[in-house]
């Protein structure tokens, strides 16, 4: 079949495209503001796409059109959507089509306010290392798998389940459209305040996800969240967490360049593991993924000991961007308060004596929304200095958009040394003038950061690389 994707550069949309390519279908598409790592991934996949919207982009022989989530893809103002409707081409929101396409599989839906991309990639990596052939759908670029989406040949399909809405017109959460067999729930904290203005409105789709999980399916949940316990009350739950407690846990944690710990099962089995991932939150992720696969009998302890040490994570989730520089640079995914805090805390944990410089871009609606202004009061705790790029303007009229000055003033009021930066050139100039050589740099955003992910490592390697040779 021939598929056309409107908004193909979205993380989830491109993962569905990848699944279809792995099945031998022809995929083309279009998008605006296409940037790495998704742009380079699509290029590697061989998918052709236009970088502006025009009715002329749509091939004459398209069988199905897939529509992404972004607001700019919907309504009469988008010429491609108008043309798709005019020609009567069958078209679906990407989450709806993913649900239809996977409804016959043994779907393992990975959900939560944070951790789901890493967990989904981790599950797939563990299974592949164990010699299995699952399918997967991951809304990020995995560093140890060749695709973000893969059909696979085994019954299991691992799906990163996003709670964000299907479209600007359809406010159902994406994960309620999937035929859930098992659920791995990592966390629930208020996010996406532009679509879920109250905490209860945010929790509601997670309640539905739990209800959609069949009684003979698995519910594997992080035990530290009271809301998770409340919405799963009356259900059989496999719990997991750090330290002694219900279900699976991690003990004997020794933090280092290679972190070691012991995975303890509810039956008392002790499995010695090591990981190159940063942060306590990633140890908890390993415990959760291991719990689900061990409960399903899909891996053994020995399988985990082979797969966990060489799992490198996913792009933009604390992956190191420098090689030789004595000033290391990492990229974190800072789309929400909790994700930003976990990235900062992980860097502080592994580099406790180094000054931490954060380059931050308030890219998501949540960071730009006045209702989340209080996030800036504590998010940069422990950071030596923050260099901040301006927030983007797309969708500004759809919510209570903060100005750049309001954001900077709030960060300064929290006692943080912060400075507004006009663009990437300003950031590079500032770091060239101020870095002494003992710092660690964290690039933190869900957006393009004006190309700094590519530019800054080159600068650091050129300036500080010789010190490590």
Protein backbone atom coordinates (compact mmCIF):
# COMPACT_ATOMS: atom_id res chain seq x y z
CA UNK A 1 0.00 0.00 0.00
CA UNK A 2 0.98 3.65 -0.45
CA UNK A 3 0.73 5.91 2.59
CA UNK A 4 1.01 9.70 2.77
CA UNK A 5 1.85 11.31 6.14
CA UNK A 6 0.80 14.89 6.85
CA UNK A 7 3.13 15.95 9.68
CA UNK A 8 5.61 13.11 9.21
CA UNK A 9 8.37 14.63 11.37
CA UNK A 10 6.52 14.17 14.65
CA UNK A 11 8.21 11.61 16.88
CA UNK A 12 5.20 9.30 17.07
CA UNK A 13 4.10 9.86 13.47
CA UNK A 14 7.52 8.93 12.13
CA UNK A 15 7.53 5.78 14.30
CA UNK A 16 4.27 4.64 12.67
CA UNK A 17 5.80 5.42 9.27
CA UNK A 18 8.75 3.24 10.28
CA UNK A 19 6.47 0.31 11.13
CA UNK A 20 4.81 0.55 7.72
CA UNK A 21 8.17 0.77 5.96
CA UNK A 22 9.32 -2.37 7.82
CA UNK A 23 6.26 -4.14 6.38
CA UNK A 24 7.19 -3.15 2.84
CA UNK A 25 4.71 -0.32 2.30
CA UNK A 26 5.57 2.88 0.43
CA UNK A 27 5.63 5.96 2.66
CA UNK A 28 5.97 9.64 1.72
CA UNK A 29 4.90 12.79 3.52
CA UNK A 30 5.42 16.42 4.45
CA UNK A 31 6.06 18.65 7.44
CA UNK A 32 7.42 22.02 8.50
CA UNK A 33 10.17 22.75 11.05
CA UNK A 34 11.87 19.42 10.40
CA UNK A 35 15.01 19.06 12.52
CA UNK A 36 17.28 16.32 13.94
CA UNK A 37 17.12 13.71 15.19
CA UNK A 38 13.85 12.87 13.38
CA UNK A 39 14.91 14.48 10.08
CA UNK A 40 18.14 12.47 9.93
CA UNK A 41 16.23 9.34 10.91
CA UNK A 42 13.72 9.76 8.08
CA UNK A 43 16.59 10.35 5.67
CA UNK A 44 18.29 7.16 6.85
CA UNK A 45 15.02 5.28 6.47
CA UNK A 46 14.79 6.48 2.86
CA UNK A 47 11.43 8.23 3.37
CA UNK A 48 10.88 11.15 1.01
CA UNK A 49 9.15 14.20 2.47
CA UNK A 50 8.42 17.80 1.56
CA UNK A 51 9.32 20.59 3.99
CA UNK A 52 6.30 22.79 3.27
CA UNK A 53 2.60 22.12 2.83
CA UNK A 54 1.12 22.07 -0.65
CA UNK A 55 -1.66 20.09 -2.32
CA UNK A 56 0.85 19.25 -5.05
CA UNK A 57 2.89 17.18 -2.55
CA UNK A 58 0.26 14.44 -2.40
CA UNK A 59 0.89 11.64 -4.93
CA UNK A 60 -1.92 10.69 -7.27
CA UNK A 61 -2.06 7.04 -6.17
CA UNK A 62 -2.18 7.35 -2.36
CA UNK A 63 -4.21 4.62 -0.62
CA UNK A 64 -4.30 6.04 2.92
CA UNK A 65 -3.37 9.38 4.49
CA UNK A 66 -2.16 9.65 8.09
CA UNK A 67 -2.60 12.94 9.95
CA UNK A 68 -0.26 14.05 12.76
CA UNK A 69 -1.22 15.81 15.99
CA UNK A 70 0.04 19.36 15.51
CA UNK A 71 -2.49 22.18 15.37
CA UNK A 72 -1.06 23.42 12.07
CA UNK A 73 -2.11 20.17 10.39
CA UNK A 74 -5.82 20.61 11.02
CA UNK A 75 -8.60 22.78 9.71
CA UNK A 76 -9.35 24.47 6.44
CA UNK A 77 -6.10 26.46 6.46
CA UNK A 78 -3.95 23.40 5.63
CA UNK A 79 -3.95 22.89 1.83
CA UNK A 80 -2.96 19.24 2.05
CA UNK A 81 -5.77 18.29 4.41
CA UNK A 82 -8.21 20.16 2.15
CA UNK A 83 -6.91 18.20 -0.85
CA UNK A 84 -7.04 14.87 1.00
CA UNK A 85 -10.68 15.47 1.84
CA UNK A 86 -11.50 16.74 -1.65
CA UNK A 87 -10.11 13.59 -3.23
CA UNK A 88 -11.84 11.31 -0.74
CA UNK A 89 -8.61 9.69 0.36
CA UNK A 90 -9.22 7.56 3.49
CA UNK A 91 -7.46 9.39 6.31
CA UNK A 92 -6.88 8.78 10.01
CA UNK A 93 -5.21 10.49 12.95
CA UNK A 94 -1.96 8.60 13.43
CA UNK A 95 -2.94 7.20 16.85
CA UNK A 96 -6.24 5.87 15.48
CA UNK A 97 -4.47 4.10 12.63
CA UNK A 98 -1.81 2.69 14.97
CA UNK A 99 -4.61 1.28 17.11
CA UNK A 100 -6.32 -0.31 14.12
CA UNK A 101 -3.05 -1.65 12.77
CA UNK A 102 -2.04 -3.36 16.04
CA UNK A 103 -5.39 -4.54 17.41
CA UNK A 104 -4.61 -8.23 16.80
CA UNK A 105 -1.27 -8.08 18.66
CA UNK A 106 -0.37 -8.74 22.29
CA UNK A 107 0.03 -5.04 22.99
CA UNK A 108 2.23 -3.91 25.87
CA UNK A 109 1.34 -0.25 26.40
CA UNK A 110 3.97 1.80 28.23
CA UNK A 111 2.42 4.91 29.78
CA UNK A 112 3.23 7.60 32.33
CA UNK A 113 4.09 11.25 32.65
CA UNK A 114 7.75 10.47 32.02
CA UNK A 115 10.03 7.53 31.28
CA UNK A 116 7.87 5.92 28.63
CA UNK A 117 10.22 6.37 25.65
CA UNK A 118 13.15 4.93 27.56
CA UNK A 119 11.02 2.09 28.94
CA UNK A 120 9.61 1.17 25.53
CA UNK A 121 13.08 1.12 23.98
CA UNK A 122 14.42 -0.84 26.94
CA UNK A 123 11.71 -3.51 26.62
CA UNK A 124 12.39 -3.91 22.90
CA UNK A 125 16.16 -4.07 23.46
CA UNK A 126 15.79 -6.67 26.22
CA UNK A 127 13.61 -8.87 24.02
CA UNK A 128 15.81 -8.52 20.94
CA UNK A 129 18.92 -9.35 22.99
CA UNK A 130 17.11 -12.43 24.29
CA UNK A 131 16.64 -13.59 20.68
CA UNK A 132 13.00 -12.58 20.31
CA UNK A 133 11.39 -10.57 17.50
CA UNK A 134 8.79 -8.20 18.97
CA UNK A 135 7.21 -5.23 17.27
CA UNK A 136 7.62 -1.78 18.75
CA UNK A 137 6.48 1.81 18.50
CA UNK A 138 8.76 4.33 20.25
CA UNK A 139 8.31 8.09 20.23
CA UNK A 140 12.05 8.78 20.29
CA UNK A 141 15.20 7.58 18.54
CA UNK A 142 16.55 4.45 20.30
CA UNK A 143 20.34 4.25 20.31
CA UNK A 144 20.43 0.43 20.24
CA UNK A 145 17.68 -0.36 17.70
CA UNK A 146 17.75 0.46 14.02
CA UNK A 147 14.17 1.74 13.91
CA UNK A 148 11.75 3.72 16.06
CA UNK A 149 8.97 1.50 14.78
CA UNK A 150 9.18 -2.15 13.75
CA UNK A 151 6.44 -4.64 12.87
CA UNK A 152 8.27 -7.68 14.26
CA UNK A 153 7.17 -11.30 13.90
CA UNK A 154 6.36 -12.22 17.50
CA UNK A 155 2.89 -11.60 18.98
CA UNK A 156 4.21 -8.90 21.34
CA UNK A 157 3.93 -5.27 20.24
CA UNK A 158 5.48 -2.68 22.57
CA UNK A 159 3.67 0.66 22.25
CA UNK A 160 4.74 3.90 23.87
CA UNK A 161 1.36 5.16 25.03
CA UNK A 162 1.06 8.94 25.00
CA UNK A 163 -1.60 10.62 27.12
CA UNK A 164 -1.62 13.68 24.87
CA UNK A 165 -4.68 14.27 22.71
CA UNK A 166 -5.34 12.57 19.37
CA UNK A 167 -5.80 15.91 17.60
CA UNK A 168 -6.93 19.46 18.21
CA UNK A 169 -10.47 18.31 17.36
CA UNK A 170 -10.37 14.92 19.14
CA UNK A 171 -9.34 15.34 22.78
CA UNK A 172 -9.17 11.66 23.62
CA UNK A 173 -5.75 10.53 24.82
CA UNK A 174 -3.86 8.56 22.20
CA UNK A 175 -3.34 5.49 24.36
CA UNK A 176 -7.07 4.84 24.82
CA UNK A 177 -7.24 3.98 21.10
CA UNK A 178 -4.91 1.00 21.49
CA UNK A 179 -6.08 -2.56 22.18
CA UNK A 180 -4.21 -2.90 25.47
CA UNK A 181 -3.23 -6.34 26.72
CA UNK A 182 -0.66 -5.36 29.37
CA UNK A 183 0.16 -1.96 30.86
CA UNK A 184 3.41 -0.63 32.30
CA UNK A 185 2.69 2.61 34.17
CA UNK A 186 5.77 4.62 35.19
CA UNK A 187 4.34 7.75 36.81
CA UNK A 188 1.47 10.23 37.05
CA UNK A 189 2.18 13.91 37.68
CA UNK A 190 0.29 16.83 36.18
CA UNK A 191 1.47 17.69 32.66
CA UNK A 192 0.15 19.19 29.40
CA UNK A 193 -1.69 21.89 31.28
CA UNK A 194 -2.88 23.46 28.03
CA UNK A 195 -5.03 20.38 27.36
CA UNK A 196 -5.56 19.14 30.92
CA UNK A 197 -6.09 22.27 33.06
CA UNK A 198 -6.78 20.34 36.27
CA UNK A 199 -4.98 17.37 37.76
CA UNK A 200 -8.15 15.27 37.69
CA UNK A 201 -8.67 15.99 33.98
CA UNK A 202 -5.11 14.75 33.44
CA UNK A 203 -5.65 11.60 35.53
CA UNK A 204 -8.94 10.69 33.82
CA UNK A 205 -7.41 9.04 30.71
CA UNK A 206 -5.06 7.01 32.91
CA UNK A 207 -8.13 5.71 34.73
CA UNK A 208 -9.50 4.66 31.37
CA UNK A 209 -6.22 2.98 30.40
CA UNK A 210 -6.30 0.91 33.60
CA UNK A 211 -9.94 0.00 32.93
CA UNK A 212 -9.04 -1.00 29.36
CA UNK A 213 -6.35 -3.40 30.61
CA UNK A 214 -8.05 -6.82 30.88
CA UNK A 215 -8.23 -8.53 34.25
CA UNK A 216 -6.08 -11.39 32.97
CA UNK A 217 -3.50 -8.93 31.62
CA UNK A 218 -0.58 -7.48 33.56
CA UNK A 219 -0.60 -4.14 35.34
CA UNK A 220 2.98 -3.26 36.25
CA UNK A 221 3.17 0.05 38.12
CA UNK A 222 5.67 2.30 39.90
CA UNK A 223 4.78 2.12 43.56
CA UNK A 224 5.82 5.63 44.67
CA UNK A 225 2.81 7.47 43.21
CA UNK A 226 -0.32 7.66 45.37
CA UNK A 227 -2.44 8.48 42.32
CA UNK A 228 -1.28 5.28 40.63
CA UNK A 229 -2.31 3.30 43.70
CA UNK A 230 -5.68 5.06 43.76
CA UNK A 231 -6.60 4.40 40.12
CA UNK A 232 -5.50 0.74 40.32
CA UNK A 233 -7.34 -0.01 43.59
CA UNK A 234 -9.05 -3.38 43.42
CA UNK A 235 -6.78 -4.65 40.63
CA UNK A 236 -3.93 -7.13 40.82
CA UNK A 237 -0.79 -5.03 40.36
CA UNK A 238 2.86 -5.94 40.05
CA UNK A 239 4.65 -3.08 41.83
CA UNK A 240 8.20 -1.86 41.35
CA UNK A 241 10.51 0.80 42.73
CA UNK A 242 13.83 1.62 44.35
CA UNK A 243 14.72 0.21 47.75
CA UNK A 244 12.80 -2.35 49.77
CA UNK A 245 9.05 -2.39 49.19
CA UNK A 246 6.21 -4.08 47.36
CA UNK A 247 7.10 -6.12 44.30
CA UNK A 248 10.36 -5.72 42.38
CA UNK A 249 13.06 -3.42 43.69
CA UNK A 250 16.69 -2.32 43.32
CA UNK A 251 19.09 -2.68 46.22
CA UNK A 252 22.85 -2.25 46.78
CA UNK A 253 23.01 0.71 44.34
CA UNK A 254 26.53 1.99 43.68
CA UNK A 255 26.58 5.09 41.45
CA UNK A 256 29.50 5.49 39.06
CA UNK A 257 30.48 5.72 35.42
CA UNK A 258 29.06 2.21 35.39
CA UNK A 259 26.36 1.93 38.06
CA UNK A 260 25.78 -1.43 39.73
CA UNK A 261 22.76 -2.68 41.67
CA UNK A 262 20.85 -5.81 42.58
CA UNK A 263 17.40 -6.48 41.13
CA UNK A 264 15.31 -8.27 43.76
CA UNK A 265 12.17 -10.12 42.66
CA UNK A 266 9.08 -10.77 44.82
CA UNK A 267 10.25 -14.39 45.15
CA UNK A 268 13.56 -13.25 46.58
CA UNK A 269 15.69 -13.92 43.52
CA UNK A 270 18.64 -11.55 43.34
CA UNK A 271 20.03 -10.56 39.92
CA UNK A 272 23.24 -8.51 39.80
CA UNK A 273 22.99 -5.82 37.09
CA UNK A 274 25.03 -2.89 35.82
CA UNK A 275 24.09 0.08 33.63
CA UNK A 276 25.74 2.95 31.82
CA UNK A 277 22.59 5.08 32.12
CA UNK A 278 22.62 8.12 34.40
CA UNK A 279 20.31 8.73 37.35
CA UNK A 280 18.19 6.88 39.88
CA UNK A 281 15.18 7.25 37.60
CA UNK A 282 16.85 5.01 35.01
CA UNK A 283 17.57 2.34 37.60
CA UNK A 284 13.85 2.44 38.39
CA UNK A 285 13.11 2.13 34.66
CA UNK A 286 15.27 -1.00 34.46
CA UNK A 287 13.42 -2.49 37.43
CA UNK A 288 10.02 -1.80 35.83
CA UNK A 289 10.91 -3.20 32.41
CA UNK A 290 12.51 -6.27 33.99
CA UNK A 291 9.43 -6.84 36.15
CA UNK A 292 7.09 -6.93 33.18
CA UNK A 293 9.23 -9.26 31.07
CA UNK A 294 10.06 -11.61 33.95
CA UNK A 295 6.38 -11.82 34.92
CA UNK A 296 5.50 -12.69 31.31
CA UNK A 297 8.29 -15.28 31.16
CA UNK A 298 9.78 -13.57 28.10
CA UNK A 299 13.30 -13.18 29.54
CA UNK A 300 15.48 -14.75 32.24
CA UNK A 301 17.81 -13.17 34.75
CA UNK A 302 20.72 -14.19 32.54
CA UNK A 303 19.06 -12.43 29.59
CA UNK A 304 18.86 -9.25 31.64
CA UNK A 305 22.51 -9.50 32.59
CA UNK A 306 23.34 -9.57 28.87
CA UNK A 307 21.01 -6.77 27.77
CA UNK A 308 20.99 -4.15 30.54
CA UNK A 309 24.73 -3.25 30.51
CA UNK A 310 24.78 -2.41 26.79
CA UNK A 311 21.51 -0.48 26.67
CA UNK A 312 22.44 3.12 25.86
CA UNK A 313 18.97 4.65 25.98
CA UNK A 314 17.29 6.94 23.48
CA UNK A 315 18.38 10.15 21.80
CA UNK A 316 17.80 13.33 23.81
CA UNK A 317 17.45 11.41 27.07
CA UNK A 318 20.79 12.16 28.73
CA UNK A 319 22.90 10.88 25.85
CA UNK A 320 26.43 12.24 25.84
CA UNK A 321 27.22 14.53 22.91
CA UNK A 322 30.97 14.93 23.42
CA UNK A 323 33.69 12.28 23.10
CA UNK A 324 37.06 13.77 24.07
CA UNK A 325 36.13 17.07 25.68
CA UNK A 326 37.03 17.43 29.36
CA UNK A 327 33.83 19.50 29.61
CA UNK A 328 31.17 16.88 28.83
CA UNK A 329 27.89 17.87 27.20
CA UNK A 330 24.67 15.88 27.57
CA UNK A 331 21.26 16.37 26.00
CA UNK A 332 18.17 15.93 28.14
CA UNK A 333 14.51 15.93 27.15
CA UNK A 334 13.02 18.83 29.09
CA UNK A 335 9.41 18.86 27.95
CA UNK A 336 8.01 19.09 31.50
CA UNK A 337 9.07 20.00 35.03
CA UNK A 338 9.58 16.38 36.12
CA UNK A 339 11.59 15.47 33.03
CA UNK A 340 13.80 18.51 33.42
CA UNK A 341 14.31 17.85 37.12
CA UNK A 342 15.18 14.18 36.58
CA UNK A 343 17.79 15.16 33.98
CA UNK A 344 19.32 17.82 36.25
CA UNK A 345 19.32 15.50 39.27
CA UNK A 346 20.98 12.72 37.25
CA UNK A 347 23.78 15.03 36.12
CA UNK A 348 24.27 16.31 39.68
CA UNK A 349 24.35 12.72 40.96
CA UNK A 350 27.09 11.65 38.56
CA UNK A 351 29.05 14.94 38.55
CA UNK A 352 28.57 16.20 42.12
CA UNK A 353 31.64 18.45 42.22
CA UNK A 354 31.33 20.07 38.78
CA UNK A 355 29.50 23.36 38.13
CA UNK A 356 26.41 22.58 36.03
CA UNK A 357 25.58 24.90 33.15
CA UNK A 358 22.13 24.36 31.60
CA UNK A 359 21.15 25.63 28.16
CA UNK A 360 17.35 25.66 28.21
CA UNK A 361 14.61 26.33 25.68
CA UNK A 362 10.99 26.56 26.97
CA UNK A 363 9.60 24.80 23.93
CA UNK A 364 6.42 22.97 24.98
CA UNK A 365 3.06 24.63 25.61
CA UNK A 366 3.41 23.73 29.29
CA UNK A 367 6.66 25.66 29.76
CA UNK A 368 5.14 28.63 27.92
CA UNK A 369 1.81 28.59 29.76
CA UNK A 370 1.07 31.04 32.56
CA UNK A 371 -0.58 28.27 34.60
CA UNK A 372 2.81 26.53 34.89
CA UNK A 373 4.84 29.61 35.79
CA UNK A 374 5.53 28.18 39.26
CA UNK A 375 7.57 25.40 37.62
CA UNK A 376 10.41 27.92 37.29
CA UNK A 377 10.61 28.40 41.05
CA UNK A 378 12.47 25.14 41.68
CA UNK A 379 13.28 23.44 38.38
CA UNK A 380 16.85 24.78 38.24
CA UNK A 381 17.76 23.97 41.83
CA UNK A 382 21.40 22.85 41.96
CA UNK A 383 22.27 24.49 38.61
CA UNK A 384 25.18 26.93 38.57
CA UNK A 385 24.02 28.94 35.56
CA UNK A 386 21.16 28.87 33.04
CA UNK A 387 21.41 30.22 29.51
CA UNK A 388 17.88 30.47 28.10
CA UNK A 389 16.71 30.69 24.52
CA UNK A 390 13.38 32.43 23.79
CA UNK A 391 10.15 30.43 23.65
CA UNK A 392 8.73 29.73 20.20
CA UNK A 393 5.58 31.50 19.02
CA UNK A 394 3.71 28.67 17.29
CA UNK A 395 0.33 28.13 18.92
CA UNK A 396 0.77 31.18 21.15
CA UNK A 397 -2.80 32.26 20.58
CA UNK A 398 -4.19 28.92 21.73
CA UNK A 399 -3.19 29.31 25.40
CA UNK A 400 -1.96 31.84 27.98
CA UNK A 401 1.49 32.31 26.51
CA UNK A 402 4.22 33.68 28.77
CA UNK A 403 6.63 36.28 27.47
CA UNK A 404 10.35 35.63 27.50
CA UNK A 405 10.79 38.43 30.04
CA UNK A 406 8.23 36.88 32.39
CA UNK A 407 10.06 33.56 32.30
CA UNK A 408 13.50 35.08 32.88
CA UNK A 409 12.20 37.27 35.73
CA UNK A 410 10.68 34.24 37.46
CA UNK A 411 13.92 32.25 37.20
CA UNK A 412 15.93 35.19 38.53
CA UNK A 413 13.45 35.62 41.40
CA UNK A 414 14.19 32.00 42.37
CA UNK A 415 17.81 32.99 42.95
CA UNK A 416 19.17 31.32 39.82
CA UNK A 417 21.98 32.89 37.79
CA UNK A 418 20.16 33.06 34.45
CA UNK A 419 20.71 35.01 31.26
CA UNK A 420 18.51 35.40 28.16
CA UNK A 421 20.16 34.37 24.89
CA UNK A 422 18.90 35.59 21.52
CA UNK A 423 20.08 32.58 19.53
CA UNK A 424 22.65 29.78 19.26
CA UNK A 425 25.42 32.18 18.29
CA UNK A 426 24.90 34.10 21.52
CA UNK A 427 25.05 30.89 23.57
CA UNK A 428 28.27 29.75 21.88
CA UNK A 429 29.85 33.16 22.41
CA UNK A 430 28.85 33.21 26.07
CA UNK A 431 30.19 29.73 26.75
CA UNK A 432 33.41 30.49 24.89
CA UNK A 433 33.95 33.45 27.20
CA UNK A 434 32.87 31.89 30.51
CA UNK A 435 33.66 28.14 30.59
CA UNK A 436 36.78 27.42 32.66
CA UNK A 437 37.11 23.70 31.93
CA UNK A 438 35.71 22.06 35.06
CA UNK A 439 31.99 22.32 34.18
CA UNK A 440 29.41 19.93 32.75
CA UNK A 441 26.87 21.25 30.22
CA UNK A 442 23.28 20.04 29.90
CA UNK A 443 21.26 20.92 26.78
CA UNK A 444 17.63 20.81 27.88
CA UNK A 445 14.60 21.11 25.60
CA UNK A 446 12.12 19.17 23.49
CA UNK A 447 12.73 21.56 20.59
CA UNK A 448 15.56 22.24 18.14
CA UNK A 449 17.66 24.47 20.46
CA UNK A 450 18.60 26.49 17.38
CA UNK A 451 21.06 23.81 16.26
CA UNK A 452 23.11 23.79 19.47
CA UNK A 453 22.96 20.00 19.77
CA UNK A 454 25.21 19.84 16.71
CA UNK A 455 27.17 23.08 17.20
CA UNK A 456 28.12 23.06 20.88
CA UNK A 457 29.86 19.65 20.98
CA UNK A 458 32.07 20.76 18.10
CA UNK A 459 33.07 23.87 20.04
CA UNK A 460 33.76 21.93 23.22
CA UNK A 461 35.80 19.25 21.44
CA UNK A 462 37.88 21.92 19.69
CA UNK A 463 38.55 23.83 22.89
CA UNK A 464 38.79 21.13 25.54
CA UNK A 465 39.41 17.92 23.56
CA UNK A 466 43.20 18.05 23.75
CA UNK A 467 43.07 17.90 27.52
CA UNK A 468 41.84 14.30 27.45
CA UNK A 469 44.16 12.89 24.78
